[in-house]
């Protein structure tokens, strides 16, 4: 919510879920036996997409992480041009 106007802030599409290769990369970063248990899209962002991850390590420890992926200009919606 916009704190000045008290209206819902405009939100661009968040894009799709992380690719399997991205999730494998997260698992590899946490070591042998790590496994992504849940993936949840997070709101907000105009130049990036965020997802909350719950990853269980090989030892059974839970890790709550945020995976941020930068989006290209083409996927962030139409560009606005000012009239000259």
N, C-alpha and C. Protein backbone atom coordinates (compact mmCIF):
# COMPACT_ATOMS: atom_id res chain seq x y z
N UNK A 1 0.85 -1.18 0.00
CA UNK A 1 0.00 0.00 0.00
C UNK A 1 0.89 1.23 0.00
N UNK A 2 0.52 2.20 -0.83
CA UNK A 2 1.24 3.47 -0.88
C UNK A 2 0.94 4.24 0.40
N UNK A 3 1.99 4.61 1.14
CA UNK A 3 1.81 5.27 2.43
C UNK A 3 1.30 6.71 2.32
N UNK A 4 1.41 7.32 1.15
CA UNK A 4 0.96 8.70 0.98
C UNK A 4 -0.50 8.75 0.56
N UNK A 5 -0.86 7.98 -0.45
CA UNK A 5 -2.23 8.04 -0.98
C UNK A 5 -3.15 6.99 -0.38
N UNK A 6 -2.59 6.03 0.35
CA UNK A 6 -3.36 4.94 0.96
C UNK A 6 -4.12 4.12 -0.08
N UNK A 7 -3.50 3.94 -1.24
CA UNK A 7 -4.07 3.11 -2.30
C UNK A 7 -3.14 1.93 -2.53
N UNK A 8 -3.66 0.90 -3.16
CA UNK A 8 -2.83 -0.24 -3.49
C UNK A 8 -1.76 0.20 -4.48
N UNK A 9 -0.50 -0.09 -4.18
CA UNK A 9 0.60 0.27 -5.06
C UNK A 9 0.53 -0.60 -6.31
N UNK A 10 0.82 -0.02 -7.49
CA UNK A 10 0.80 -0.83 -8.70
C UNK A 10 1.86 -1.92 -8.63
N UNK A 11 1.53 -3.05 -9.14
CA UNK A 11 2.42 -4.20 -9.07
C UNK A 11 2.54 -4.82 -10.46
N UNK A 12 3.74 -5.06 -10.90
CA UNK A 12 3.95 -5.71 -12.19
C UNK A 12 3.94 -7.21 -11.99
N UNK A 13 3.67 -7.97 -13.05
CA UNK A 13 3.68 -9.43 -12.92
C UNK A 13 5.01 -9.92 -12.38
N UNK A 14 4.95 -10.94 -11.52
CA UNK A 14 6.17 -11.44 -10.88
C UNK A 14 6.91 -12.45 -11.73
N UNK A 15 6.32 -12.88 -12.84
CA UNK A 15 6.98 -13.90 -13.64
C UNK A 15 6.68 -15.28 -13.12
N UNK A 16 7.28 -16.25 -13.76
CA UNK A 16 7.02 -17.63 -13.39
C UNK A 16 7.87 -18.09 -12.22
N UNK A 17 7.63 -19.31 -11.81
CA UNK A 17 8.43 -19.86 -10.71
C UNK A 17 9.88 -20.08 -11.15
N UNK A 18 10.78 -20.24 -10.19
CA UNK A 18 12.18 -20.50 -10.55
C UNK A 18 12.31 -21.79 -11.36
N UNK A 19 13.23 -21.78 -12.29
CA UNK A 19 13.48 -22.96 -13.12
C UNK A 19 14.10 -24.06 -12.25
N UNK A 20 13.89 -25.31 -12.64
CA UNK A 20 14.51 -26.42 -11.90
C UNK A 20 16.02 -26.25 -11.74
N UNK A 21 16.69 -25.69 -12.74
CA UNK A 21 18.14 -25.48 -12.65
C UNK A 21 18.47 -24.49 -11.54
N UNK A 22 17.66 -23.46 -11.35
CA UNK A 22 17.89 -22.48 -10.29
C UNK A 22 17.71 -23.13 -8.92
N UNK A 23 16.70 -23.99 -8.78
CA UNK A 23 16.48 -24.67 -7.51
C UNK A 23 17.61 -25.66 -7.21
N UNK A 24 18.10 -26.33 -8.25
CA UNK A 24 19.25 -27.22 -8.06
C UNK A 24 20.47 -26.44 -7.59
N UNK A 25 20.66 -25.24 -8.16
CA UNK A 25 21.78 -24.39 -7.76
C UNK A 25 21.70 -24.05 -6.27
N UNK A 26 20.50 -23.71 -5.79
CA UNK A 26 20.30 -23.42 -4.36
C UNK A 26 20.67 -24.64 -3.53
N UNK A 27 20.19 -25.80 -3.93
CA UNK A 27 20.49 -27.03 -3.20
C UNK A 27 21.99 -27.30 -3.16
N UNK A 28 22.66 -27.11 -4.28
CA UNK A 28 24.11 -27.34 -4.35
C UNK A 28 24.86 -26.37 -3.43
N UNK A 29 24.37 -25.14 -3.32
CA UNK A 29 25.01 -24.15 -2.45
C UNK A 29 24.96 -24.58 -0.98
N UNK A 30 23.91 -25.31 -0.60
CA UNK A 30 23.76 -25.73 0.79
C UNK A 30 24.38 -27.11 1.06
N UNK A 31 24.90 -27.75 0.05
CA UNK A 31 25.64 -28.99 0.26
C UNK A 31 24.85 -30.25 -0.05
N UNK A 32 25.57 -31.35 0.03
CA UNK A 32 25.01 -32.66 -0.31
C UNK A 32 23.77 -32.96 0.54
N UNK A 33 22.74 -33.42 -0.13
CA UNK A 33 21.51 -33.81 0.55
C UNK A 33 20.51 -32.69 0.76
N UNK A 34 20.87 -31.46 0.41
CA UNK A 34 19.92 -30.34 0.58
C UNK A 34 18.78 -30.49 -0.42
N UNK A 35 17.58 -30.07 0.02
CA UNK A 35 16.41 -30.18 -0.85
C UNK A 35 15.46 -29.00 -0.62
N UNK A 36 15.04 -28.36 -1.72
CA UNK A 36 14.06 -27.29 -1.64
C UNK A 36 12.71 -27.93 -1.32
N UNK A 37 12.12 -27.51 -0.22
CA UNK A 37 10.83 -28.08 0.21
C UNK A 37 9.64 -27.26 -0.25
N UNK A 38 9.75 -25.93 -0.18
CA UNK A 38 8.64 -25.08 -0.62
C UNK A 38 9.18 -23.86 -1.38
N UNK A 39 8.36 -23.39 -2.31
CA UNK A 39 8.65 -22.18 -3.09
C UNK A 39 7.38 -21.34 -3.08
N UNK A 40 7.52 -20.06 -2.67
CA UNK A 40 6.36 -19.17 -2.61
C UNK A 40 6.74 -17.82 -3.21
N UNK A 41 5.96 -17.35 -4.17
CA UNK A 41 6.21 -16.05 -4.78
C UNK A 41 5.99 -14.94 -3.75
N UNK A 42 6.86 -13.94 -3.79
CA UNK A 42 6.74 -12.78 -2.92
C UNK A 42 6.30 -11.58 -3.76
N UNK A 43 5.43 -10.72 -3.22
CA UNK A 43 4.95 -9.56 -3.98
C UNK A 43 6.01 -8.48 -4.09
N UNK A 44 5.79 -7.58 -5.06
CA UNK A 44 6.64 -6.41 -5.19
C UNK A 44 7.76 -6.63 -6.19
N UNK A 45 8.50 -5.57 -6.40
CA UNK A 45 9.62 -5.63 -7.33
C UNK A 45 9.19 -5.28 -8.73
N UNK A 46 9.96 -4.41 -9.38
CA UNK A 46 9.66 -4.07 -10.76
C UNK A 46 10.76 -4.56 -11.70
N UNK A 47 11.95 -4.71 -11.19
CA UNK A 47 13.06 -5.16 -12.02
C UNK A 47 13.55 -6.54 -11.58
N UNK A 48 12.85 -7.13 -10.62
CA UNK A 48 13.25 -8.44 -10.13
C UNK A 48 12.03 -9.23 -9.66
N UNK A 49 12.23 -10.52 -9.51
CA UNK A 49 11.21 -11.42 -9.00
C UNK A 49 11.78 -12.10 -7.77
N UNK A 50 11.03 -12.12 -6.67
CA UNK A 50 11.49 -12.76 -5.44
C UNK A 50 10.62 -13.97 -5.12
N UNK A 51 11.26 -15.03 -4.64
CA UNK A 51 10.55 -16.20 -4.15
C UNK A 51 11.13 -16.60 -2.80
N UNK A 52 10.24 -16.89 -1.85
CA UNK A 52 10.65 -17.41 -0.56
C UNK A 52 10.86 -18.91 -0.71
N UNK A 53 11.98 -19.40 -0.21
CA UNK A 53 12.30 -20.83 -0.30
C UNK A 53 12.47 -21.38 1.11
N UNK A 54 12.00 -22.58 1.31
CA UNK A 54 12.32 -23.34 2.51
C UNK A 54 13.17 -24.51 2.03
N UNK A 55 14.42 -24.54 2.48
CA UNK A 55 15.36 -25.57 2.04
C UNK A 55 15.81 -26.36 3.26
N UNK A 56 15.76 -27.67 3.14
CA UNK A 56 16.25 -28.54 4.20
C UNK A 56 17.63 -29.04 3.82
N UNK A 57 18.58 -28.83 4.72
CA UNK A 57 19.95 -29.28 4.45
C UNK A 57 20.05 -30.79 4.67
N UNK A 58 21.18 -31.34 4.27
CA UNK A 58 21.40 -32.78 4.43
C UNK A 58 21.33 -33.22 5.88
N UNK A 59 21.66 -32.31 6.81
CA UNK A 59 21.62 -32.65 8.24
C UNK A 59 20.23 -32.47 8.84
N UNK A 60 19.28 -31.96 8.03
CA UNK A 60 17.92 -31.78 8.51
C UNK A 60 17.60 -30.37 8.98
N UNK A 61 18.56 -29.46 8.94
CA UNK A 61 18.30 -28.07 9.33
C UNK A 61 17.47 -27.37 8.27
N UNK A 62 16.53 -26.54 8.72
CA UNK A 62 15.69 -25.77 7.80
C UNK A 62 16.31 -24.40 7.57
N UNK A 63 16.32 -23.98 6.31
CA UNK A 63 16.85 -22.67 5.93
C UNK A 63 15.77 -21.92 5.17
N UNK A 64 15.42 -20.73 5.65
CA UNK A 64 14.46 -19.87 4.96
C UNK A 64 15.26 -18.85 4.17
N UNK A 65 15.12 -18.88 2.85
CA UNK A 65 15.91 -18.05 1.96
C UNK A 65 15.01 -17.28 1.01
N UNK A 66 15.55 -16.23 0.42
CA UNK A 66 14.86 -15.50 -0.65
C UNK A 66 15.72 -15.61 -1.90
N UNK A 67 15.12 -16.08 -2.97
CA UNK A 67 15.79 -16.17 -4.27
C UNK A 67 15.33 -14.98 -5.10
N UNK A 68 16.27 -14.11 -5.45
CA UNK A 68 15.95 -12.93 -6.26
C UNK A 68 16.50 -13.15 -7.66
N UNK A 69 15.62 -12.98 -8.64
CA UNK A 69 16.02 -13.09 -10.05
C UNK A 69 15.71 -11.77 -10.72
N UNK A 70 16.68 -11.22 -11.41
CA UNK A 70 16.49 -9.97 -12.13
C UNK A 70 15.76 -10.26 -13.43
N UNK A 71 14.79 -9.42 -13.76
CA UNK A 71 14.01 -9.61 -14.98
C UNK A 71 14.54 -8.68 -16.06
N UNK A 72 14.29 -9.05 -17.29
CA UNK A 72 14.70 -8.18 -18.40
C UNK A 72 13.65 -7.10 -18.59
N UNK A 73 14.02 -6.04 -19.28
CA UNK A 73 13.08 -4.94 -19.53
C UNK A 73 11.85 -5.43 -20.28
N UNK A 74 12.01 -6.41 -21.15
CA UNK A 74 10.89 -6.89 -21.95
C UNK A 74 9.83 -7.57 -21.10
N UNK A 75 10.21 -8.14 -19.94
CA UNK A 75 9.25 -8.87 -19.13
C UNK A 75 8.67 -8.03 -18.00
N UNK A 76 9.05 -6.77 -17.89
CA UNK A 76 8.53 -5.94 -16.80
C UNK A 76 7.32 -5.12 -17.20
N UNK A 77 6.79 -5.36 -18.38
CA UNK A 77 5.57 -4.67 -18.78
C UNK A 77 5.86 -3.57 -19.79
N UNK A 78 4.80 -2.93 -20.26
CA UNK A 78 4.98 -1.91 -21.29
C UNK A 78 5.72 -0.69 -20.74
N UNK A 79 6.51 -0.10 -21.61
CA UNK A 79 7.24 1.11 -21.23
C UNK A 79 6.39 2.30 -21.56
N UNK A 80 6.48 3.33 -20.75
CA UNK A 80 5.72 4.55 -20.98
C UNK A 80 6.64 5.58 -21.59
N UNK A 81 6.15 6.24 -22.62
CA UNK A 81 6.90 7.30 -23.29
C UNK A 81 6.16 8.62 -23.08
N UNK A 82 6.90 9.65 -22.81
CA UNK A 82 6.26 10.96 -22.68
C UNK A 82 6.12 11.60 -24.06
N UNK A 83 5.07 12.35 -24.21
CA UNK A 83 4.86 13.05 -25.48
C UNK A 83 5.80 14.23 -25.56
N UNK A 84 6.44 14.42 -26.71
CA UNK A 84 7.36 15.55 -26.86
C UNK A 84 6.88 16.50 -27.91
